[in-house]
Each structure stands twice: as C-alpha cells, then as structure tokens.
N, C-alpha and C. Protein backbone atom coordinates (compact mmCIF):
# COMPACT_ATOMS: atom_id res chain seq x y z
N MET A 1 100.55 101.81 125.13
CA MET A 1 101.07 100.44 125.03
C MET A 1 100.72 99.85 123.67
N TYR A 2 101.71 99.22 123.05
CA TYR A 2 101.49 98.60 121.74
C TYR A 2 101.60 97.08 121.87
N VAL A 3 100.72 96.39 121.15
CA VAL A 3 100.63 94.94 121.19
C VAL A 3 101.15 94.37 119.87
N PRO A 4 102.10 93.42 119.90
CA PRO A 4 102.58 92.82 118.65
C PRO A 4 101.51 91.93 118.03
N VAL A 5 101.31 92.09 116.74
CA VAL A 5 100.34 91.28 116.00
C VAL A 5 101.02 90.72 114.75
N GLU A 6 100.34 89.79 114.10
CA GLU A 6 100.84 89.23 112.85
C GLU A 6 99.71 89.12 111.85
N LEU A 7 100.08 89.10 110.59
CA LEU A 7 99.10 88.96 109.53
C LEU A 7 98.61 87.52 109.51
N ALA A 8 97.32 87.32 109.84
CA ALA A 8 96.79 85.96 109.97
C ALA A 8 96.16 85.46 108.68
N ARG A 9 95.55 86.37 107.92
CA ARG A 9 94.81 85.92 106.74
C ARG A 9 94.57 87.08 105.81
N VAL A 10 94.57 86.80 104.52
CA VAL A 10 94.17 87.76 103.50
C VAL A 10 92.97 87.17 102.79
N LEU A 11 91.83 87.85 102.85
CA LEU A 11 90.61 87.35 102.23
C LEU A 11 90.32 88.19 101.00
N ILE A 12 90.49 87.59 99.83
CA ILE A 12 90.29 88.30 98.57
C ILE A 12 89.06 87.75 97.86
N THR A 13 88.11 88.62 97.59
CA THR A 13 86.93 88.26 96.80
C THR A 13 86.94 89.16 95.57
N GLU A 14 87.29 88.60 94.44
CA GLU A 14 87.52 89.41 93.25
C GLU A 14 86.26 90.10 92.74
N PHE A 15 85.10 89.64 93.22
CA PHE A 15 83.85 90.22 92.74
C PHE A 15 83.26 91.19 93.74
N SER A 16 84.11 91.71 94.62
CA SER A 16 83.67 92.68 95.62
C SER A 16 84.73 93.76 95.74
N GLY A 17 84.28 94.99 96.04
CA GLY A 17 85.24 96.07 96.20
C GLY A 17 86.00 96.00 97.51
N ASP A 18 85.33 95.50 98.56
CA ASP A 18 85.96 95.42 99.88
C ASP A 18 86.67 94.08 100.07
N GLN A 19 87.92 94.17 100.49
CA GLN A 19 88.71 92.98 100.81
C GLN A 19 89.10 93.07 102.28
N TYR A 20 89.60 91.97 102.83
CA TYR A 20 89.91 91.97 104.25
C TYR A 20 91.29 91.37 104.52
N ILE A 21 91.99 92.00 105.46
CA ILE A 21 93.16 91.37 106.05
C ILE A 21 92.85 91.21 107.53
N PHE A 22 93.29 90.09 108.11
CA PHE A 22 93.02 89.82 109.51
C PHE A 22 94.34 89.84 110.27
N LEU A 23 94.39 90.63 111.34
CA LEU A 23 95.56 90.70 112.20
C LEU A 23 95.27 89.96 113.50
N ARG A 24 96.24 89.16 113.95
CA ARG A 24 96.06 88.34 115.14
C ARG A 24 97.14 88.68 116.16
N GLU A 25 96.72 88.81 117.41
CA GLU A 25 97.65 89.08 118.50
C GLU A 25 98.66 87.93 118.60
N LYS A 26 99.95 88.26 118.67
CA LYS A 26 100.99 87.23 118.70
C LYS A 26 100.95 86.39 119.98
N ASP A 27 100.75 87.04 121.10
CA ASP A 27 100.79 86.33 122.38
C ASP A 27 99.41 86.25 123.01
N GLY A 28 98.38 86.15 122.19
CA GLY A 28 97.02 86.08 122.69
C GLY A 28 96.09 85.54 121.62
N GLU A 29 94.80 85.77 121.82
CA GLU A 29 93.80 85.20 120.92
C GLU A 29 93.01 86.26 120.16
N ARG A 30 93.28 87.53 120.43
CA ARG A 30 92.49 88.58 119.78
C ARG A 30 92.84 88.71 118.30
N THR A 31 91.79 88.80 117.48
CA THR A 31 91.93 88.94 116.03
C THR A 31 90.94 89.99 115.56
N PHE A 32 91.34 90.81 114.60
CA PHE A 32 90.39 91.77 114.05
C PHE A 32 90.69 92.02 112.57
N PRO A 33 89.65 92.35 111.80
CA PRO A 33 89.83 92.60 110.37
C PRO A 33 90.04 94.07 110.06
N ILE A 34 90.69 94.33 108.95
CA ILE A 34 90.79 95.67 108.39
C ILE A 34 90.30 95.58 106.95
N VAL A 35 89.36 96.45 106.60
CA VAL A 35 88.84 96.48 105.23
C VAL A 35 89.81 97.27 104.36
N ILE A 36 90.20 96.67 103.23
CA ILE A 36 91.14 97.34 102.31
C ILE A 36 90.62 97.21 100.88
N GLY A 37 91.27 97.88 99.96
CA GLY A 37 90.88 97.81 98.56
C GLY A 37 91.50 96.59 97.87
N ILE A 38 91.01 96.30 96.69
CA ILE A 38 91.47 95.11 95.96
C ILE A 38 92.94 95.24 95.58
N ASN A 39 93.40 96.43 95.21
CA ASN A 39 94.80 96.59 94.79
C ASN A 39 95.75 96.33 95.96
N GLU A 40 95.40 96.84 97.15
CA GLU A 40 96.25 96.61 98.31
C GLU A 40 96.23 95.14 98.73
N ALA A 41 95.04 94.51 98.64
CA ALA A 41 94.93 93.09 99.01
C ALA A 41 95.77 92.22 98.08
N LEU A 42 95.72 92.51 96.79
CA LEU A 42 96.52 91.75 95.83
C LEU A 42 98.01 91.98 96.06
N ALA A 43 98.36 93.22 96.45
CA ALA A 43 99.77 93.53 96.72
C ALA A 43 100.27 92.76 97.93
N VAL A 44 99.46 92.71 98.99
CA VAL A 44 99.84 91.94 100.19
C VAL A 44 100.01 90.48 99.82
N ASP A 45 99.04 89.93 99.11
CA ASP A 45 99.08 88.52 98.74
C ASP A 45 100.29 88.22 97.86
N ARG A 46 100.54 89.09 96.88
CA ARG A 46 101.66 88.90 95.96
C ARG A 46 103.00 88.94 96.68
N ARG A 47 103.16 89.89 97.59
CA ARG A 47 104.44 90.05 98.27
C ARG A 47 104.65 88.97 99.32
N LEU A 48 103.57 88.49 99.94
CA LEU A 48 103.70 87.37 100.87
C LEU A 48 104.20 86.11 100.16
N LYS A 49 103.74 85.93 98.92
CA LYS A 49 104.11 84.75 98.14
C LYS A 49 105.44 84.92 97.40
N GLY A 50 106.03 86.11 97.50
CA GLY A 50 107.30 86.35 96.82
C GLY A 50 107.18 86.47 95.32
N GLN A 51 105.99 86.80 94.83
CA GLN A 51 105.77 86.94 93.40
C GLN A 51 106.20 88.33 92.94
N LYS A 52 107.00 88.37 91.90
CA LYS A 52 107.48 89.65 91.38
C LYS A 52 106.80 89.96 90.05
N PRO A 53 106.15 91.11 89.96
CA PRO A 53 105.53 91.49 88.68
C PRO A 53 106.59 91.78 87.63
N ALA A 54 106.17 91.74 86.37
CA ALA A 54 107.12 92.01 85.28
C ALA A 54 107.75 93.40 85.41
N ARG A 55 106.95 94.36 85.82
CA ARG A 55 107.44 95.71 86.10
C ARG A 55 107.01 96.10 87.50
N PRO A 56 107.79 96.95 88.19
CA PRO A 56 107.47 97.28 89.58
C PRO A 56 106.09 97.93 89.73
N MET A 57 105.31 97.39 90.65
CA MET A 57 104.05 98.02 91.02
C MET A 57 104.36 99.02 92.15
N THR A 58 103.33 99.71 92.65
CA THR A 58 103.54 100.80 93.60
C THR A 58 104.36 100.38 94.82
N HIS A 59 103.98 99.26 95.44
CA HIS A 59 104.66 98.87 96.68
C HIS A 59 106.07 98.33 96.41
N GLU A 60 106.25 97.66 95.28
CA GLU A 60 107.59 97.21 94.91
C GLU A 60 108.49 98.41 94.62
N LEU A 61 107.92 99.42 93.96
CA LEU A 61 108.68 100.63 93.66
C LEU A 61 109.10 101.34 94.94
N LEU A 62 108.17 101.49 95.88
CA LEU A 62 108.49 102.17 97.12
C LEU A 62 109.55 101.39 97.90
N ALA A 63 109.45 100.06 97.92
CA ALA A 63 110.46 99.24 98.61
C ALA A 63 111.83 99.43 97.98
N SER A 64 111.87 99.52 96.65
CA SER A 64 113.14 99.72 95.95
C SER A 64 113.73 101.08 96.24
N VAL A 65 112.87 102.11 96.33
CA VAL A 65 113.34 103.46 96.64
C VAL A 65 113.95 103.49 98.05
N ILE A 66 113.26 102.89 99.01
CA ILE A 66 113.77 102.84 100.38
C ILE A 66 115.13 102.14 100.42
N ASP A 67 115.23 101.02 99.72
CA ASP A 67 116.48 100.26 99.70
C ASP A 67 117.60 101.06 99.03
N ALA A 68 117.27 101.71 97.90
CA ALA A 68 118.27 102.48 97.17
C ALA A 68 118.82 103.64 97.99
N LEU A 69 118.00 104.16 98.89
CA LEU A 69 118.41 105.28 99.75
C LEU A 69 119.10 104.80 101.03
N GLY A 70 119.32 103.49 101.11
CA GLY A 70 120.02 102.95 102.26
C GLY A 70 119.16 102.78 103.50
N GLY A 71 117.87 102.70 103.32
CA GLY A 71 116.97 102.58 104.46
C GLY A 71 116.35 101.19 104.53
N ARG A 72 115.60 100.97 105.59
CA ARG A 72 114.84 99.73 105.73
C ARG A 72 113.59 100.02 106.56
N LEU A 73 112.56 99.25 106.31
CA LEU A 73 111.32 99.39 107.05
C LEU A 73 111.48 98.65 108.38
N GLU A 74 111.51 99.41 109.48
CA GLU A 74 111.81 98.82 110.78
C GLU A 74 110.59 98.23 111.47
N LYS A 75 109.46 98.95 111.44
CA LYS A 75 108.25 98.45 112.09
C LYS A 75 107.05 99.26 111.62
N ILE A 76 105.88 98.73 111.94
CA ILE A 76 104.61 99.38 111.58
C ILE A 76 103.79 99.54 112.85
N HIS A 77 103.26 100.72 113.08
CA HIS A 77 102.35 100.97 114.20
C HIS A 77 100.96 101.29 113.66
N ILE A 78 99.95 100.60 114.17
CA ILE A 78 98.56 100.99 113.93
C ILE A 78 98.11 101.64 115.23
N GLU A 79 97.96 102.94 115.19
CA GLU A 79 97.91 103.69 116.45
C GLU A 79 96.61 104.39 116.76
N ASP A 80 95.70 104.44 115.81
CA ASP A 80 94.46 105.16 116.11
C ASP A 80 93.35 104.68 115.18
N LEU A 81 92.13 105.01 115.60
CA LEU A 81 90.93 104.72 114.83
C LEU A 81 90.09 105.99 114.87
N ARG A 82 89.94 106.64 113.71
CA ARG A 82 89.32 107.97 113.71
C ARG A 82 88.17 108.04 112.72
N GLN A 83 87.22 108.91 113.06
CA GLN A 83 86.18 109.30 112.11
C GLN A 83 86.72 110.51 111.37
N LEU A 84 87.07 110.33 110.11
CA LEU A 84 87.76 111.38 109.38
C LEU A 84 86.85 112.50 108.92
N HIS A 85 85.57 112.17 108.67
CA HIS A 85 84.63 113.19 108.19
C HIS A 85 83.38 113.19 109.06
N PRO A 86 82.94 114.36 109.52
CA PRO A 86 81.78 114.45 110.43
C PRO A 86 80.53 113.78 109.88
N ARG A 87 80.35 113.80 108.55
CA ARG A 87 79.13 113.24 107.96
C ARG A 87 79.25 111.77 107.61
N ASP A 88 80.44 111.22 107.82
CA ASP A 88 80.67 109.80 107.52
C ASP A 88 80.91 109.06 108.84
N PRO A 89 79.98 108.16 109.22
CA PRO A 89 80.11 107.48 110.52
C PRO A 89 81.23 106.44 110.56
N ARG A 90 81.75 106.07 109.39
CA ARG A 90 82.79 105.05 109.37
C ARG A 90 84.09 105.58 109.97
N GLN A 91 84.83 104.66 110.59
CA GLN A 91 86.11 105.02 111.18
C GLN A 91 87.25 104.44 110.35
N THR A 92 88.38 105.12 110.38
CA THR A 92 89.54 104.73 109.58
C THR A 92 90.73 104.47 110.50
N PHE A 93 91.43 103.38 110.24
CA PHE A 93 92.65 103.08 110.99
C PHE A 93 93.77 104.01 110.55
N ILE A 94 94.55 104.47 111.50
CA ILE A 94 95.69 105.35 111.24
C ILE A 94 96.97 104.60 111.58
N ALA A 95 97.91 104.60 110.66
CA ALA A 95 99.16 103.86 110.89
C ALA A 95 100.37 104.76 110.65
N THR A 96 101.50 104.33 111.17
CA THR A 96 102.79 104.99 110.95
C THR A 96 103.81 103.93 110.60
N ILE A 97 104.60 104.19 109.56
CA ILE A 97 105.72 103.29 109.26
C ILE A 97 107.00 103.96 109.75
N PHE A 98 107.89 103.14 110.31
CA PHE A 98 109.16 103.64 110.84
C PHE A 98 110.28 103.17 109.91
N LEU A 99 110.94 104.12 109.28
CA LEU A 99 112.05 103.83 108.38
C LEU A 99 113.37 104.14 109.07
N ARG A 100 114.28 103.19 109.05
CA ARG A 100 115.59 103.41 109.65
C ARG A 100 116.64 103.57 108.56
N ARG A 101 117.45 104.61 108.71
CA ARG A 101 118.58 104.87 107.81
C ARG A 101 119.78 105.22 108.67
N GLY A 102 120.59 104.21 108.96
CA GLY A 102 121.69 104.42 109.89
C GLY A 102 121.14 104.65 111.28
N GLU A 103 121.53 105.76 111.89
CA GLU A 103 121.05 106.10 113.23
C GLU A 103 119.74 106.88 113.19
N GLN A 104 119.32 107.26 112.02
CA GLN A 104 118.11 108.09 111.88
C GLN A 104 116.87 107.22 111.70
N VAL A 105 115.80 107.56 112.42
CA VAL A 105 114.51 106.88 112.27
C VAL A 105 113.49 107.92 111.78
N ILE A 106 112.86 107.62 110.68
CA ILE A 106 111.90 108.54 110.07
C ILE A 106 110.51 107.94 110.19
N GLU A 107 109.57 108.74 110.70
CA GLU A 107 108.19 108.29 110.86
C GLU A 107 107.35 108.85 109.71
N VAL A 108 106.58 107.97 109.05
CA VAL A 108 105.79 108.37 107.90
C VAL A 108 104.34 107.93 108.10
N ASP A 109 103.42 108.88 107.98
CA ASP A 109 101.99 108.59 108.08
C ASP A 109 101.59 107.65 106.93
N SER A 110 100.73 106.67 107.23
CA SER A 110 100.38 105.69 106.20
C SER A 110 99.02 105.08 106.49
N ARG A 111 98.40 104.57 105.45
CA ARG A 111 97.25 103.70 105.65
C ARG A 111 97.79 102.33 106.07
N PRO A 112 97.12 101.61 106.98
CA PRO A 112 97.61 100.29 107.36
C PRO A 112 97.76 99.34 106.18
N SER A 113 96.85 99.42 105.22
CA SER A 113 96.92 98.51 104.07
C SER A 113 98.20 98.71 103.28
N ASP A 114 98.60 99.97 103.06
CA ASP A 114 99.84 100.24 102.34
C ASP A 114 101.06 99.83 103.16
N ALA A 115 101.01 100.12 104.46
CA ALA A 115 102.14 99.76 105.32
C ALA A 115 102.34 98.25 105.34
N ILE A 116 101.25 97.50 105.47
CA ILE A 116 101.34 96.04 105.54
C ILE A 116 101.75 95.47 104.19
N ALA A 117 101.25 96.04 103.10
CA ALA A 117 101.66 95.58 101.77
C ALA A 117 103.14 95.81 101.56
N LEU A 118 103.63 96.95 102.02
CA LEU A 118 105.05 97.27 101.89
C LEU A 118 105.90 96.32 102.73
N GLY A 119 105.45 96.02 103.95
CA GLY A 119 106.25 95.21 104.85
C GLY A 119 106.06 93.71 104.72
N ALA A 120 105.07 93.29 103.92
CA ALA A 120 104.74 91.86 103.85
C ALA A 120 105.91 91.01 103.38
N ALA A 121 106.69 91.50 102.45
CA ALA A 121 107.79 90.71 101.89
C ALA A 121 108.97 90.60 102.86
N PHE A 122 109.01 91.45 103.88
CA PHE A 122 110.16 91.49 104.79
C PHE A 122 109.82 91.02 106.21
N ASN A 123 108.58 90.54 106.39
CA ASN A 123 108.16 90.09 107.73
C ASN A 123 108.35 91.21 108.75
N THR A 124 108.02 92.43 108.34
CA THR A 124 108.18 93.60 109.21
C THR A 124 107.27 93.50 110.43
N PRO A 125 107.79 93.74 111.64
CA PRO A 125 106.95 93.68 112.84
C PRO A 125 105.80 94.69 112.78
N ILE A 126 104.62 94.24 113.23
CA ILE A 126 103.43 95.09 113.27
C ILE A 126 102.96 95.20 114.71
N PHE A 127 102.65 96.41 115.14
CA PHE A 127 102.18 96.65 116.50
C PHE A 127 100.89 97.45 116.44
N VAL A 128 99.94 97.09 117.32
CA VAL A 128 98.66 97.79 117.38
C VAL A 128 98.49 98.38 118.78
N ALA A 129 98.07 99.63 118.83
CA ALA A 129 97.85 100.27 120.13
C ALA A 129 96.75 99.53 120.89
N GLU A 130 96.96 99.34 122.18
CA GLU A 130 95.97 98.64 123.01
C GLU A 130 94.62 99.35 122.96
N THR A 131 94.64 100.67 122.88
CA THR A 131 93.38 101.42 122.80
C THR A 131 92.61 101.08 121.54
N VAL A 132 93.33 100.85 120.44
CA VAL A 132 92.68 100.47 119.18
C VAL A 132 92.07 99.08 119.30
N LEU A 133 92.83 98.15 119.88
CA LEU A 133 92.31 96.79 120.07
C LEU A 133 91.04 96.81 120.92
N LYS A 134 91.06 97.57 122.00
CA LYS A 134 89.88 97.62 122.87
C LYS A 134 88.70 98.25 122.15
N SER A 135 88.98 99.20 121.27
CA SER A 135 87.91 99.87 120.55
C SER A 135 87.23 98.94 119.54
N VAL A 136 88.03 98.15 118.83
CA VAL A 136 87.47 97.28 117.78
C VAL A 136 87.00 95.94 118.34
N LEU A 137 87.42 95.61 119.55
CA LEU A 137 87.07 94.31 120.12
C LEU A 137 86.25 94.46 121.40
N ASP A 138 85.18 95.21 121.30
CA ASP A 138 84.22 95.29 122.40
C ASP A 138 83.65 93.89 122.60
N ASP A 139 83.87 93.30 123.76
CA ASP A 139 83.52 91.90 123.97
C ASP A 139 82.08 91.67 124.43
N SER A 140 81.27 92.70 124.50
CA SER A 140 79.90 92.48 124.94
C SER A 140 79.15 91.64 123.89
N PRO A 141 78.28 90.73 124.33
CA PRO A 141 77.53 89.89 123.39
C PRO A 141 76.70 90.72 122.41
N GLU A 142 76.16 91.84 122.89
CA GLU A 142 75.34 92.69 122.02
C GLU A 142 76.17 93.25 120.87
N HIS A 143 77.39 93.70 121.20
CA HIS A 143 78.26 94.27 120.17
C HIS A 143 78.68 93.21 119.17
N ARG A 144 79.07 92.03 119.67
CA ARG A 144 79.48 90.95 118.77
C ARG A 144 78.34 90.56 117.83
N ALA A 145 77.13 90.49 118.39
CA ALA A 145 75.98 90.13 117.57
C ALA A 145 75.72 91.18 116.49
N GLN A 146 75.86 92.47 116.87
CA GLN A 146 75.62 93.54 115.91
C GLN A 146 76.64 93.50 114.78
N VAL A 147 77.92 93.29 115.13
CA VAL A 147 78.97 93.21 114.10
C VAL A 147 78.72 92.04 113.16
N LEU A 148 78.34 90.90 113.73
CA LEU A 148 78.08 89.72 112.92
C LEU A 148 76.87 89.93 112.00
N LYS A 149 75.84 90.59 112.51
CA LYS A 149 74.66 90.85 111.69
C LYS A 149 74.98 91.76 110.51
N GLU A 150 75.82 92.77 110.77
CA GLU A 150 76.23 93.68 109.68
C GLU A 150 77.03 92.92 108.63
N HIS A 151 77.92 92.04 109.09
CA HIS A 151 78.71 91.25 108.14
C HIS A 151 77.81 90.28 107.39
N GLN A 152 76.81 89.73 108.08
CA GLN A 152 75.89 88.80 107.45
C GLN A 152 75.10 89.50 106.33
N LYS A 153 74.65 90.72 106.60
CA LYS A 153 73.92 91.48 105.58
C LYS A 153 74.79 91.77 104.37
N MET A 154 76.06 92.10 104.64
CA MET A 154 76.99 92.38 103.55
C MET A 154 77.19 91.12 102.69
N LEU A 155 77.33 89.97 103.36
CA LEU A 155 77.49 88.72 102.62
C LEU A 155 76.25 88.40 101.80
N GLU A 156 75.08 88.64 102.37
CA GLU A 156 73.83 88.38 101.64
C GLU A 156 73.77 89.19 100.35
N LEU A 157 74.20 90.45 100.42
CA LEU A 157 74.22 91.31 99.24
C LEU A 157 75.20 90.79 98.21
N LYS A 158 76.41 90.41 98.67
CA LYS A 158 77.42 89.91 97.74
C LYS A 158 76.98 88.58 97.11
N ILE A 159 76.36 87.71 97.92
CA ILE A 159 75.88 86.43 97.40
C ILE A 159 74.82 86.66 96.33
N HIS A 160 73.92 87.60 96.60
CA HIS A 160 72.87 87.92 95.63
C HIS A 160 73.46 88.46 94.32
N GLN A 161 74.41 89.38 94.46
CA GLN A 161 75.01 89.98 93.26
C GLN A 161 75.78 88.96 92.44
N LEU A 162 76.55 88.12 93.12
CA LEU A 162 77.36 87.14 92.40
C LEU A 162 76.49 86.04 91.80
N THR A 163 75.43 85.66 92.51
CA THR A 163 74.50 84.65 91.97
C THR A 163 73.86 85.16 90.69
N GLU A 164 73.43 86.43 90.70
CA GLU A 164 72.84 87.03 89.51
C GLU A 164 73.83 87.03 88.34
N ARG A 165 75.08 87.33 88.66
CA ARG A 165 76.09 87.38 87.61
C ARG A 165 76.33 86.00 87.01
N LEU A 166 76.33 84.97 87.87
CA LEU A 166 76.56 83.61 87.39
C LEU A 166 75.35 83.02 86.69
N GLU A 167 74.22 83.73 86.75
CA GLU A 167 73.03 83.30 86.03
C GLU A 167 72.82 84.13 84.76
N ASP A 168 73.72 85.06 84.51
CA ASP A 168 73.63 85.93 83.33
C ASP A 168 74.23 85.20 82.12
N PRO A 169 73.42 84.86 81.12
CA PRO A 169 73.92 84.11 79.95
C PRO A 169 75.07 84.82 79.23
N GLU A 170 75.01 86.15 79.16
CA GLU A 170 76.06 86.90 78.47
C GLU A 170 77.40 86.76 79.21
N PHE A 171 77.34 86.88 80.54
CA PHE A 171 78.56 86.73 81.34
C PHE A 171 79.11 85.31 81.20
N LEU A 172 78.23 84.33 81.27
CA LEU A 172 78.66 82.92 81.18
C LEU A 172 79.28 82.61 79.83
N SER A 173 78.80 83.26 78.79
CA SER A 173 79.32 82.97 77.45
C SER A 173 80.64 83.67 77.17
N GLN A 174 80.90 84.78 77.87
CA GLN A 174 82.09 85.57 77.57
C GLN A 174 83.23 85.37 78.57
N ALA A 175 82.90 84.95 79.78
CA ALA A 175 83.93 84.85 80.83
C ALA A 175 84.83 83.65 80.59
N PRO A 176 86.14 83.80 80.79
CA PRO A 176 87.06 82.66 80.67
C PRO A 176 86.74 81.60 81.72
N PRO A 177 87.01 80.33 81.42
CA PRO A 177 86.72 79.25 82.38
C PRO A 177 87.35 79.48 83.75
N GLY A 178 88.58 80.01 83.76
CA GLY A 178 89.25 80.25 85.04
C GLY A 178 88.52 81.26 85.89
N LEU A 179 87.98 82.30 85.25
CA LEU A 179 87.24 83.33 85.98
C LEU A 179 85.94 82.76 86.54
N LEU A 180 85.27 81.93 85.75
CA LEU A 180 84.03 81.30 86.23
C LEU A 180 84.31 80.40 87.42
N GLU A 181 85.41 79.68 87.36
CA GLU A 181 85.77 78.80 88.46
C GLU A 181 86.03 79.60 89.74
N LYS A 182 86.74 80.73 89.60
CA LYS A 182 87.00 81.59 90.76
C LYS A 182 85.71 82.16 91.32
N ALA A 183 84.80 82.56 90.41
CA ALA A 183 83.54 83.14 90.85
C ALA A 183 82.71 82.12 91.63
N ARG A 184 82.65 80.91 91.12
CA ARG A 184 81.87 79.86 91.81
C ARG A 184 82.51 79.51 93.15
N SER A 185 83.85 79.49 93.17
CA SER A 185 84.55 79.21 94.42
C SER A 185 84.29 80.31 95.45
N SER A 186 84.31 81.57 95.00
CA SER A 186 84.04 82.71 95.89
C SER A 186 82.62 82.63 96.44
N LEU A 187 81.68 82.27 95.57
CA LEU A 187 80.29 82.15 95.99
C LEU A 187 80.12 81.05 97.04
N ASP A 188 80.76 79.92 96.81
CA ASP A 188 80.69 78.82 97.78
C ASP A 188 81.26 79.24 99.13
N GLN A 189 82.41 79.97 99.10
CA GLN A 189 83.04 80.39 100.35
C GLN A 189 82.16 81.40 101.09
N MET A 190 81.52 82.31 100.35
CA MET A 190 80.64 83.28 101.00
C MET A 190 79.44 82.60 101.63
N LYS A 191 78.92 81.57 100.98
CA LYS A 191 77.79 80.82 101.55
C LYS A 191 78.21 80.10 102.83
N ILE A 192 79.42 79.54 102.83
CA ILE A 192 79.95 78.87 104.03
C ILE A 192 80.09 79.88 105.17
N ASP A 193 80.66 81.05 104.86
CA ASP A 193 80.82 82.09 105.87
C ASP A 193 79.46 82.55 106.42
N HIS A 194 78.49 82.68 105.52
CA HIS A 194 77.15 83.12 105.92
C HIS A 194 76.51 82.10 106.86
N GLU A 195 76.66 80.83 106.55
CA GLU A 195 76.10 79.77 107.40
C GLU A 195 76.80 79.75 108.77
N ALA A 196 78.11 79.97 108.76
CA ALA A 196 78.86 79.98 110.02
C ALA A 196 78.39 81.13 110.92
N ILE A 197 78.19 82.30 110.33
CA ILE A 197 77.70 83.45 111.09
C ILE A 197 76.31 83.17 111.65
N ALA A 198 75.47 82.55 110.84
CA ALA A 198 74.11 82.22 111.30
C ALA A 198 74.16 81.30 112.52
N ARG A 199 75.09 80.34 112.51
CA ARG A 199 75.20 79.42 113.65
C ARG A 199 75.67 80.16 114.90
N VAL A 200 76.63 81.07 114.74
CA VAL A 200 77.15 81.83 115.88
C VAL A 200 76.04 82.73 116.44
N LEU A 201 75.29 83.38 115.57
CA LEU A 201 74.21 84.26 116.03
C LEU A 201 73.15 83.45 116.78
N LYS A 202 72.91 82.24 116.35
CA LYS A 202 71.95 81.38 117.03
C LYS A 202 72.44 81.05 118.44
N MET A 203 73.74 80.79 118.56
CA MET A 203 74.31 80.50 119.88
C MET A 203 74.26 81.71 120.79
N LEU A 204 74.46 82.90 120.20
CA LEU A 204 74.42 84.13 121.00
C LEU A 204 73.01 84.48 121.42
N GLY A 205 72.02 83.85 120.74
CA GLY A 205 70.62 84.10 121.10
C GLY A 205 70.12 85.38 120.52
C-alpha cells in the first residue's frame, strides 16, 4: 500500500553538508525528513520557485531530455529503506520514478532526492510505501526521544562550528555581507530548533 505525500518543507543550511526535505502525508498528520545533499536541496528549492539557471543544471537537463523524447514524469514511489553496506548502520531510502511515453510506462531506479528535484517543477505526485512510513515513524516515546536527542547533538555540533566561524577574524574580513547575514540567520534558526527540541524532550521526560 502506498500513501500519497507532499513536499512540506526544504531546510537548507549552507554551512552544513546535510540538508533536509520534509514529506507530509496528504490525508493525515505523519511527517518525516529525508537527508539530502546541498546540490539536490538547492535544485528542489530552485525548481519549486520556478527559477531557471543561465545554463541547464543536471535536473533541468534530465527534464528537458524526458520532454524531448515525448515523455513525462508520472509519479514517484519511495518504496524501501535499506542498509546498503553491512558495515554502515545508516539506512538509505529507495525510490522509483515512473516515466510515461504514450502507452508505455518506464520504471527507473532513483534516489528520492533526485526524483523529488526532478518532479518539483511539475507538482509530480509522490507516494510512500506504508511499510516505509511505519519504519521511520516508530511512535514509541523512547524512539521519539532517541531521534530527537540525535538531532539535538547534530545541531549542537553545527552551532559550535558556525559560531567558531563567525568569530574568526579572517572569515569576517573576507566574507561578503550577504554571506555573513545568511550565516547569522542560519545560526539563529539552529538555536531556535535546538531550544524547541529541548522543550519537547523535557515534556517527554
């Protein structure tokens, strides 16, 4: 069984390697994040806003190729969550994009980040397997607390790194004003998120 979801938020922190997109259940309240790279996050954000680069980037190029061949992106399935390497405990989302060309439907293996970046400009329907949702949304208080604590630790590291950078005289003297403004804004947002997590953890006991 597949559950329809929508792209709820794109969280871009330019001073971190990990970015987040949040998918929300269309007919419910379940929401979960997917960690993606900065290039994919910027592509999703750019295509959602209808911004066209001076020259085609990867996802714009792929969209043009599909269109030129008479096809269209019909839907996206996020169908599994796998541990790809025995020595790496992290799990990876597995997705499939469905391309329609006339009566023919072609299924292509994809990373969710690329699939969503490709489909963002066309409001392509996204579906997540119920088994995946249940796997990432274990509702036990212990699991929620553990996930929040891990995210809190990650934020603490990022806050520390960015604070150090904003206290570096060389960086402050060389960085453009716009970059400094973005960095300070990112730091403020991370502190707000950290405080919010702390409040939730306190409520969970």
